[in-house]
């Protein structure tokens, strides 16, 4: 078990935010919702746990949804991190 869960969530949120900025996503389009999942929330039907340290959801910024993402300059990567 983590000793300081709140600090860990804050650190991971900061790292995730910085990474998304490196990919070219503007700060105003990044929303961080720090959560702690209980064992009951991640328990599979066989009793095992599916644990994720971080969950990131991406949503389209443009009208028309995903089919137009490729043509939207707001989501065109401007980083050499993506080849």
PDB file of N, CA and C in Angstrom:
ATOM      1  N   UNK A   1       0.847  -1.184   0.000  1.00  0.00           N
ATOM      2  CA  UNK A   1       0.000   0.000   0.000  1.00  0.00           C
ATOM      3  C   UNK A   1       0.889   1.242   0.000  1.00  0.00           C
ATOM      4  N   UNK A   2       0.472   2.242  -0.704  1.00  0.00           N
ATOM      5  CA  UNK A   2       1.219   3.492  -0.776  1.00  0.00           C
ATOM      6  C   UNK A   2       1.117   4.226   0.557  1.00  0.00           C
ATOM      7  N   UNK A   3       2.204   4.851   0.954  1.00  0.00           N
ATOM      8  CA  UNK A   3       2.233   5.550   2.243  1.00  0.00           C
ATOM      9  C   UNK A   3       1.556   6.919   2.186  1.00  0.00           C
ATOM     10  N   UNK A   4       1.661   7.597   1.062  1.00  0.00           N
ATOM     11  CA  UNK A   4       1.062   8.922   0.938  1.00  0.00           C
ATOM     12  C   UNK A   4       0.331   8.998  -0.398  1.00  0.00           C
ATOM     13  N   UNK A   5      -0.886   8.503  -0.407  1.00  0.00           N
ATOM     14  CA  UNK A   5      -1.673   8.419  -1.636  1.00  0.00           C
ATOM     15  C   UNK A   5      -1.966   9.764  -2.271  1.00  0.00           C
ATOM     16  N   UNK A   6      -2.256  10.765  -1.459  1.00  0.00           N
ATOM     17  CA  UNK A   6      -2.573  12.088  -2.007  1.00  0.00           C
ATOM     18  C   UNK A   6      -1.371  12.688  -2.719  1.00  0.00           C
ATOM     19  N   UNK A   7      -0.199  12.572  -2.108  1.00  0.00           N
ATOM     20  CA  UNK A   7       1.014  13.093  -2.741  1.00  0.00           C
ATOM     21  C   UNK A   7       1.304  12.344  -4.036  1.00  0.00           C
ATOM     22  N   UNK A   8       1.118  11.023  -4.009  1.00  0.00           N
ATOM     23  CA  UNK A   8       1.359  10.207  -5.196  1.00  0.00           C
ATOM     24  C   UNK A   8       0.414  10.605  -6.333  1.00  0.00           C
ATOM     25  N   UNK A   9      -0.869  10.808  -6.018  1.00  0.00           N
ATOM     26  CA  UNK A   9      -1.827  11.233  -7.043  1.00  0.00           C
ATOM     27  C   UNK A   9      -1.442  12.586  -7.631  1.00  0.00           C
ATOM     28  N   UNK A  10      -1.010  13.502  -6.782  1.00  0.00           N
ATOM     29  CA  UNK A  10      -0.608  14.828  -7.247  1.00  0.00           C
ATOM     30  C   UNK A  10       0.610  14.739  -8.157  1.00  0.00           C
ATOM     31  N   UNK A  11       1.594  13.933  -7.776  1.00  0.00           N
ATOM     32  CA  UNK A  11       2.801  13.766  -8.595  1.00  0.00           C
ATOM     33  C   UNK A  11       2.470  13.145  -9.947  1.00  0.00           C
ATOM     34  N   UNK A  12       1.643  12.108  -9.943  1.00  0.00           N
ATOM     35  CA  UNK A  12       1.278  11.449 -11.199  1.00  0.00           C
ATOM     36  C   UNK A  12       0.473  12.377 -12.097  1.00  0.00           C
ATOM     37  N   UNK A  13      -0.401  13.170 -11.506  1.00  0.00           N
ATOM     38  CA  UNK A  13      -1.189  14.122 -12.293  1.00  0.00           C
ATOM     39  C   UNK A  13      -0.277  15.152 -12.951  1.00  0.00           C
ATOM     40  N   UNK A  14       0.712  15.627 -12.215  1.00  0.00           N
ATOM     41  CA  UNK A  14       1.650  16.608 -12.767  1.00  0.00           C
ATOM     42  C   UNK A  14       2.444  16.005 -13.921  1.00  0.00           C
ATOM     43  N   UNK A  15       2.918  14.778 -13.749  1.00  0.00           N
ATOM     44  CA  UNK A  15       3.686  14.104 -14.801  1.00  0.00           C
ATOM     45  C   UNK A  15       2.823  13.897 -16.042  1.00  0.00           C
ATOM     46  N   UNK A  16       1.585  13.446 -15.851  1.00  0.00           N
ATOM     47  CA  UNK A  16       0.684  13.220 -16.985  1.00  0.00           C
ATOM     48  C   UNK A  16       0.399  14.529 -17.711  1.00  0.00           C
ATOM     49  N   UNK A  17       0.167  15.595 -16.962  1.00  0.00           N
ATOM     50  CA  UNK A  17      -0.108  16.896 -17.560  1.00  0.00           C
ATOM     51  C   UNK A  17       1.085  17.394 -18.367  1.00  0.00           C
ATOM     52  N   UNK A  18       2.275  17.276 -17.823  1.00  0.00           N
ATOM     53  CA  UNK A  18       3.477  17.715 -18.536  1.00  0.00           C
ATOM     54  C   UNK A  18       3.679  16.905 -19.814  1.00  0.00           C
ATOM     55  N   UNK A  19       3.415  15.616 -19.765  1.00  0.00           N
ATOM     56  CA  UNK A  19       3.555  14.766 -20.951  1.00  0.00           C
ATOM     57  C   UNK A  19       2.571  15.190 -22.037  1.00  0.00           C
ATOM     58  N   UNK A  20       1.321  15.433 -21.654  1.00  0.00           N
ATOM     59  CA  UNK A  20       0.319  15.861 -22.630  1.00  0.00           C
ATOM     60  C   UNK A  20       0.699  17.201 -23.254  1.00  0.00           C
ATOM     61  N   UNK A  21       1.286  18.095 -22.470  1.00  0.00           N
ATOM     62  CA  UNK A  21       1.747  19.377 -23.008  1.00  0.00           C
ATOM     63  C   UNK A  21       2.876  19.162 -24.012  1.00  0.00           C
ATOM     64  N   UNK A  22       3.767  18.213 -23.732  1.00  0.00           N
ATOM     65  CA  UNK A  22       4.849  17.901 -24.669  1.00  0.00           C
ATOM     66  C   UNK A  22       4.299  17.391 -25.995  1.00  0.00           C
ATOM     67  N   UNK A  23       3.144  16.746 -25.946  1.00  0.00           N
ATOM     68  CA  UNK A  23       2.510  16.236 -27.163  1.00  0.00           C
ATOM     69  C   UNK A  23       1.780  17.332 -27.931  1.00  0.00           C
ATOM     70  N   UNK A  24       1.720  18.526 -27.360  1.00  0.00           N
ATOM     71  CA  UNK A  24       1.107  19.650 -28.052  1.00  0.00           C
ATOM     72  C   UNK A  24      -0.280  20.009 -27.570  1.00  0.00           C
ATOM     73  N   UNK A  25      -0.747  19.383 -26.514  1.00  0.00           N
ATOM     74  CA  UNK A  25      -2.076  19.697 -25.988  1.00  0.00           C
ATOM     75  C   UNK A  25      -1.954  20.914 -25.077  1.00  0.00           C
ATOM     76  N   UNK A  26      -2.784  21.910 -25.331  1.00  0.00           N
ATOM     77  CA  UNK A  26      -2.727  23.141 -24.545  1.00  0.00           C
ATOM     78  C   UNK A  26      -3.270  22.916 -23.140  1.00  0.00           C
ATOM     79  N   UNK A  27      -2.741  23.684 -22.218  1.00  0.00           N
ATOM     80  CA  UNK A  27      -3.109  23.561 -20.815  1.00  0.00           C
ATOM     81  C   UNK A  27      -4.621  23.668 -20.596  1.00  0.00           C
ATOM     82  N   UNK A  28      -5.287  24.547 -21.347  1.00  0.00           N
ATOM     83  CA  UNK A  28      -6.733  24.727 -21.140  1.00  0.00           C
ATOM     84  C   UNK A  28      -7.552  23.513 -21.578  1.00  0.00           C
ATOM     85  N   UNK A  29      -6.926  22.583 -22.287  1.00  0.00           N
ATOM     86  CA  UNK A  29      -7.619  21.370 -22.714  1.00  0.00           C
ATOM     87  C   UNK A  29      -7.260  20.158 -21.856  1.00  0.00           C
ATOM     88  N   UNK A  30      -6.537  20.380 -20.782  1.00  0.00           N
ATOM     89  CA  UNK A  30      -6.146  19.290 -19.887  1.00  0.00           C
ATOM     90  C   UNK A  30      -6.913  19.442 -18.584  1.00  0.00           C
ATOM     91  N   UNK A  31      -7.682  18.426 -18.246  1.00  0.00           N
ATOM     92  CA  UNK A  31      -8.430  18.407 -16.989  1.00  0.00           C
ATOM     93  C   UNK A  31      -7.958  17.184 -16.214  1.00  0.00           C
ATOM     94  N   UNK A  32      -7.483  17.393 -15.010  1.00  0.00           N
ATOM     95  CA  UNK A  32      -6.989  16.302 -14.179  1.00  0.00           C
ATOM     96  C   UNK A  32      -7.996  16.071 -13.062  1.00  0.00           C
ATOM     97  N   UNK A  33      -8.507  14.860 -12.964  1.00  0.00           N
ATOM     98  CA  UNK A  33      -9.432  14.467 -11.907  1.00  0.00           C
ATOM     99  C   UNK A  33      -8.767  13.326 -11.148  1.00  0.00           C
ATOM    100  N   UNK A  34      -8.143  13.640 -10.026  1.00  0.00           N
ATOM    101  CA  UNK A  34      -7.401  12.642  -9.255  1.00  0.00           C
ATOM    102  C   UNK A  34      -8.383  11.811  -8.434  1.00  0.00           C
ATOM    103  N   UNK A  35      -8.268  10.496  -8.553  1.00  0.00           N
ATOM    104  CA  UNK A  35      -9.168   9.592  -7.842  1.00  0.00           C
ATOM    105  C   UNK A  35      -8.382   8.455  -7.211  1.00  0.00           C
ATOM    106  N   UNK A  36      -8.976   7.854  -6.217  1.00  0.00           N
ATOM    107  CA  UNK A  36      -8.437   6.639  -5.616  1.00  0.00           C
ATOM    108  C   UNK A  36      -9.468   5.542  -5.825  1.00  0.00           C
ATOM    109  N   UNK A  37      -9.053   4.468  -6.465  1.00  0.00           N
ATOM    110  CA  UNK A  37      -9.950   3.347  -6.704  1.00  0.00           C
ATOM    111  C   UNK A  37      -9.845   2.344  -5.565  1.00  0.00           C
ATOM    112  N   UNK A  38     -10.976   1.881  -5.078  1.00  0.00           N
ATOM    113  CA  UNK A  38     -10.987   0.857  -4.039  1.00  0.00           C
ATOM    114  C   UNK A  38     -10.879  -0.517  -4.686  1.00  0.00           C
ATOM    115  N   UNK A  39     -10.522  -1.527  -3.888  1.00  0.00           N
ATOM    116  CA  UNK A  39     -10.456  -2.892  -4.406  1.00  0.00           C
ATOM    117  C   UNK A  39     -11.796  -3.317  -5.000  1.00  0.00           C
ATOM    118  N   UNK A  40     -12.891  -2.913  -4.359  1.00  0.00           N
ATOM    119  CA  UNK A  40     -14.217  -3.289  -4.852  1.00  0.00           C
ATOM    120  C   UNK A  40     -14.476  -2.722  -6.248  1.00  0.00           C
ATOM    121  N   UNK A  41     -13.913  -1.568  -6.537  1.00  0.00           N
ATOM    122  CA  UNK A  41     -14.130  -0.932  -7.838  1.00  0.00           C
ATOM    123  C   UNK A  41     -13.371  -1.630  -8.959  1.00  0.00           C
ATOM    124  N   UNK A  42     -12.279  -2.314  -8.641  1.00  0.00           N
ATOM    125  CA  UNK A  42     -11.429  -2.913  -9.673  1.00  0.00           C
ATOM    126  C   UNK A  42     -11.398  -4.442  -9.603  1.00  0.00           C
ATOM    127  N   UNK A  43     -12.279  -5.032  -8.794  1.00  0.00           N
ATOM    128  CA  UNK A  43     -12.302  -6.490  -8.647  1.00  0.00           C
ATOM    129  C   UNK A  43     -13.011  -7.139  -9.833  1.00  0.00           C
ATOM    130  N   UNK A  44     -12.358  -8.129 -10.432  1.00  0.00           N
ATOM    131  CA  UNK A  44     -12.932  -8.895 -11.540  1.00  0.00           C
ATOM    132  C   UNK A  44     -13.852  -9.976 -10.992  1.00  0.00           C
ATOM    133  N   UNK A  45     -14.644 -10.578 -11.854  1.00  0.00           N
ATOM    134  CA  UNK A  45     -15.583 -11.617 -11.420  1.00  0.00           C
ATOM    135  C   UNK A  45     -14.876 -12.826 -10.809  1.00  0.00           C
ATOM    136  N   UNK A  46     -13.613 -13.067 -11.187  1.00  0.00           N
ATOM    137  CA  UNK A  46     -12.870 -14.199 -10.616  1.00  0.00           C
ATOM    138  C   UNK A  46     -12.132 -13.827  -9.329  1.00  0.00           C
ATOM    139  N   UNK A  47     -12.328 -12.605  -8.850  1.00  0.00           N
ATOM    140  CA  UNK A  47     -11.716 -12.183  -7.599  1.00  0.00           C
ATOM    141  C   UNK A  47     -10.387 -11.462  -7.747  1.00  0.00           C
ATOM    142  N   UNK A  48      -9.778 -11.533  -8.924  1.00  0.00           N
ATOM    143  CA  UNK A  48      -8.515 -10.828  -9.131  1.00  0.00           C
ATOM    144  C   UNK A  48      -8.769  -9.332  -9.282  1.00  0.00           C
ATOM    145  N   UNK A  49      -7.724  -8.559  -9.119  1.00  0.00           N
ATOM    146  CA  UNK A  49      -7.849  -7.112  -9.228  1.00  0.00           C
ATOM    147  C   UNK A  49      -7.206  -6.618 -10.514  1.00  0.00           C
ATOM    148  N   UNK A  50      -7.893  -5.722 -11.202  1.00  0.00           N
ATOM    149  CA  UNK A  50      -7.336  -5.052 -12.369  1.00  0.00           C
ATOM    150  C   UNK A  50      -6.962  -3.648 -11.919  1.00  0.00           C
ATOM    151  N   UNK A  51      -5.681  -3.436 -11.729  1.00  0.00           N
ATOM    152  CA  UNK A  51      -5.214  -2.161 -11.192  1.00  0.00           C
ATOM    153  C   UNK A  51      -4.532  -1.339 -12.271  1.00  0.00           C
ATOM    154  N   UNK A  52      -4.928  -0.096 -12.375  1.00  0.00           N
ATOM    155  CA  UNK A  52      -4.286   0.854 -13.275  1.00  0.00           C
ATOM    156  C   UNK A  52      -3.757   1.985 -12.412  1.00  0.00           C
ATOM    157  N   UNK A  53      -2.536   2.381 -12.647  1.00  0.00           N
ATOM    158  CA  UNK A  53      -1.986   3.467 -11.851  1.00  0.00           C
ATOM    159  C   UNK A  53      -2.491   4.818 -12.329  1.00  0.00           C
ATOM    160  N   UNK A  54      -2.864   4.868 -13.593  1.00  0.00           N
ATOM    161  CA  UNK A  54      -3.345   6.140 -14.138  1.00  0.00           C
ATOM    162  C   UNK A  54      -4.313   5.833 -15.279  1.00  0.00           C
ATOM    163  N   UNK A  55      -5.339   6.618 -15.399  1.00  0.00           N
ATOM    164  CA  UNK A  55      -6.333   6.434 -16.449  1.00  0.00           C
ATOM    165  C   UNK A  55      -6.477   7.768 -17.174  1.00  0.00           C
ATOM    166  N   UNK A  56      -6.234   7.759 -18.474  1.00  0.00           N
ATOM    167  CA  UNK A  56      -6.313   8.987 -19.271  1.00  0.00           C
ATOM    168  C   UNK A  56      -7.391   8.826 -20.328  1.00  0.00           C
ATOM    169  N   UNK A  57      -8.281   9.789 -20.390  1.00  0.00           N
ATOM    170  CA  UNK A  57      -9.357   9.777 -21.384  1.00  0.00           C
ATOM    171  C   UNK A  57      -9.150  10.948 -22.329  1.00  0.00           C
ATOM    172  N   UNK A  58      -9.184  10.674 -23.615  1.00  0.00           N
ATOM    173  CA  UNK A  58      -9.039  11.720 -24.626  1.00  0.00           C
ATOM    174  C   UNK A  58     -10.373  11.911 -25.337  1.00  0.00           C
ATOM    175  N   UNK A  59     -10.764  13.147 -25.528  1.00  0.00           N
ATOM    176  CA  UNK A  59     -12.007  13.431 -26.232  1.00  0.00           C
ATOM    177  C   UNK A  59     -11.725  14.401 -27.372  1.00  0.00           C
ATOM    178  N   UNK A  60     -12.496  14.310 -28.457  1.00  0.00           N
ATOM    179  CA  UNK A  60     -12.280  15.204 -29.600  1.00  0.00           C
ATOM    180  C   UNK A  60     -12.528  16.658 -29.218  1.00  0.00           C
ATOM    181  N   UNK A  61     -11.724  17.535 -29.780  1.00  0.00           N
ATOM    182  CA  UNK A  61     -11.890  18.972 -29.548  1.00  0.00           C
ATOM    183  C   UNK A  61     -12.723  19.627 -30.639  1.00  0.00           C
ATOM    184  N   UNK A  62     -12.823  18.967 -31.775  1.00  0.00           N
ATOM    185  CA  UNK A  62     -13.461  19.607 -32.923  1.00  0.00           C
ATOM    186  C   UNK A  62     -14.907  19.147 -33.090  1.00  0.00           C
ATOM    187  N   UNK A  63     -15.673  19.954 -33.786  1.00  0.00           N
ATOM    188  CA  UNK A  63     -17.035  19.554 -34.127  1.00  0.00           C
ATOM    189  C   UNK A  63     -16.970  18.372 -35.075  1.00  0.00           C
ATOM    190  N   UNK A  64     -17.902  17.483 -34.976  1.00  0.00           N
ATOM    191  CA  UNK A  64     -17.932  16.342 -35.875  1.00  0.00           C
ATOM    192  C   UNK A  64     -17.252  15.112 -35.309  1.00  0.00           C
ATOM    193  N   UNK A  65     -16.572  15.255 -34.184  1.00  0.00           N
ATOM    194  CA  UNK A  65     -16.008  14.096 -33.512  1.00  0.00           C
ATOM    195  C   UNK A  65     -14.727  13.558 -34.109  1.00  0.00           C
ATOM    196  N   UNK A  66     -14.501  12.287 -33.851  1.00  0.00           N
ATOM    197  CA  UNK A  66     -13.228  11.636 -34.192  1.00  0.00           C
ATOM    198  C   UNK A  66     -12.920  11.616 -35.681  1.00  0.00           C
ATOM    199  N   UNK A  67     -13.915  11.544 -36.521  1.00  0.00           N
ATOM    200  CA  UNK A  67     -13.651  11.454 -37.957  1.00  0.00           C
ATOM    201  C   UNK A  67     -12.943  12.691 -38.490  1.00  0.00           C
ATOM    202  N   UNK A  68     -12.980  13.793 -37.754  1.00  0.00           N
ATOM    203  CA  UNK A  68     -12.330  15.016 -38.219  1.00  0.00           C
ATOM    204  C   UNK A  68     -11.034  15.317 -37.484  1.00  0.00           C
ATOM    205  N   UNK A  69     -10.628  14.480 -36.563  1.00  0.00           N
ATOM    206  CA  UNK A  69      -9.435  14.769 -35.771  1.00  0.00           C
ATOM    207  C   UNK A  69      -8.185  14.936 -36.617  1.00  0.00           C
ATOM    208  N   UNK A  70      -8.047  14.159 -37.657  1.00  0.00           N
ATOM    209  CA  UNK A  70      -6.830  14.217 -38.469  1.00  0.00           C
ATOM    210  C   UNK A  70      -6.647  15.561 -39.151  1.00  0.00           C
ATOM    211  N   UNK A  71      -7.733  16.295 -39.379  1.00  0.00           N
ATOM    212  CA  UNK A  71      -7.651  17.571 -40.076  1.00  0.00           C
ATOM    213  C   UNK A  71      -7.696  18.775 -39.137  1.00  0.00           C
ATOM    214  N   UNK A  72      -7.689  18.538 -37.839  1.00  0.00           N
ATOM    215  CA  UNK A  72      -7.799  19.631 -36.880  1.00  0.00           C
ATOM    216  C   UNK A  72      -6.409  20.018 -36.373  1.00  0.00           C
ATOM    217  N   UNK A  73      -5.922  21.231 -36.705  1.00  0.00           N
ATOM    218  CA  UNK A  73      -4.573  21.623 -36.293  1.00  0.00           C
ATOM    219  C   UNK A  73      -4.397  21.702 -34.781  1.00  0.00           C
ATOM    220  N   UNK A  74      -5.494  21.801 -34.026  1.00  0.00           N
ATOM    221  CA  UNK A  74      -5.371  21.863 -32.566  1.00  0.00           C
ATOM    222  C   UNK A  74      -4.889  20.554 -31.975  1.00  0.00           C
ATOM    223  N   UNK A  75      -5.069  19.451 -32.689  1.00  0.00           N
ATOM    224  CA  UNK A  75      -4.655  18.151 -32.155  1.00  0.00           C
ATOM    225  C   UNK A  75      -3.540  17.521 -32.972  1.00  0.00           C
ATOM    226  N   UNK A  76      -2.960  18.272 -33.875  1.00  0.00           N
ATOM    227  CA  UNK A  76      -1.823  17.774 -34.639  1.00  0.00           C
ATOM    228  C   UNK A  76      -0.594  17.813 -33.741  1.00  0.00           C
ATOM    229  N   UNK A  77       0.052  16.672 -33.515  1.00  0.00           N
ATOM    230  CA  UNK A  77       1.232  16.665 -32.639  1.00  0.00           C
ATOM    231  C   UNK A  77       2.305  17.624 -33.146  1.00  0.00           C
ATOM    232  N   UNK A  78       2.845  18.406 -32.229  1.00  0.00           N
ATOM    233  CA  UNK A  78       3.926  19.338 -32.559  1.00  0.00           C
ATOM    234  C   UNK A  78       5.209  18.930 -31.844  1.00  0.00           C
ATOM    235  N   UNK A  79       5.279  17.684 -31.440  1.00  0.00           N
ATOM    236  CA  UNK A  79       6.423  17.201 -30.678  1.00  0.00           C
ATOM    237  C   UNK A  79       7.149  16.117 -31.444  1.00  0.00           C
ATOM    238  N   UNK A  80       8.444  16.050 -31.254  1.00  0.00           N
ATOM    239  CA  UNK A  80       9.213  14.970 -31.863  1.00  0.00           C
ATOM    240  C   UNK A  80       9.047  13.672 -31.077  1.00  0.00           C
ATOM    241  N   UNK A  81       8.286  13.714 -29.969  1.00  0.00           N
ATOM    242  CA  UNK A  81       8.027  12.509 -29.185  1.00  0.00           C
ATOM    243  C   UNK A  81       7.161  11.534 -29.969  1.00  0.00           C
ATOM    244  N   UNK A  82       6.369  12.055 -30.908  1.00  0.00           N
ATOM    245  CA  UNK A  82       5.528  11.213 -31.758  1.00  0.00           C
ATOM    246  C   UNK A  82       6.117  11.240 -33.152  1.00  0.00           C
ATOM    247  N   UNK A  83       6.406  10.088 -33.662  1.00  0.00           N
ATOM    248  CA  UNK A  83       6.991  10.005 -35.006  1.00  0.00           C
ATOM    249  C   UNK A  83       5.945   9.607 -36.013  1.00  0.00           C
TER     250      UNK A  83
END
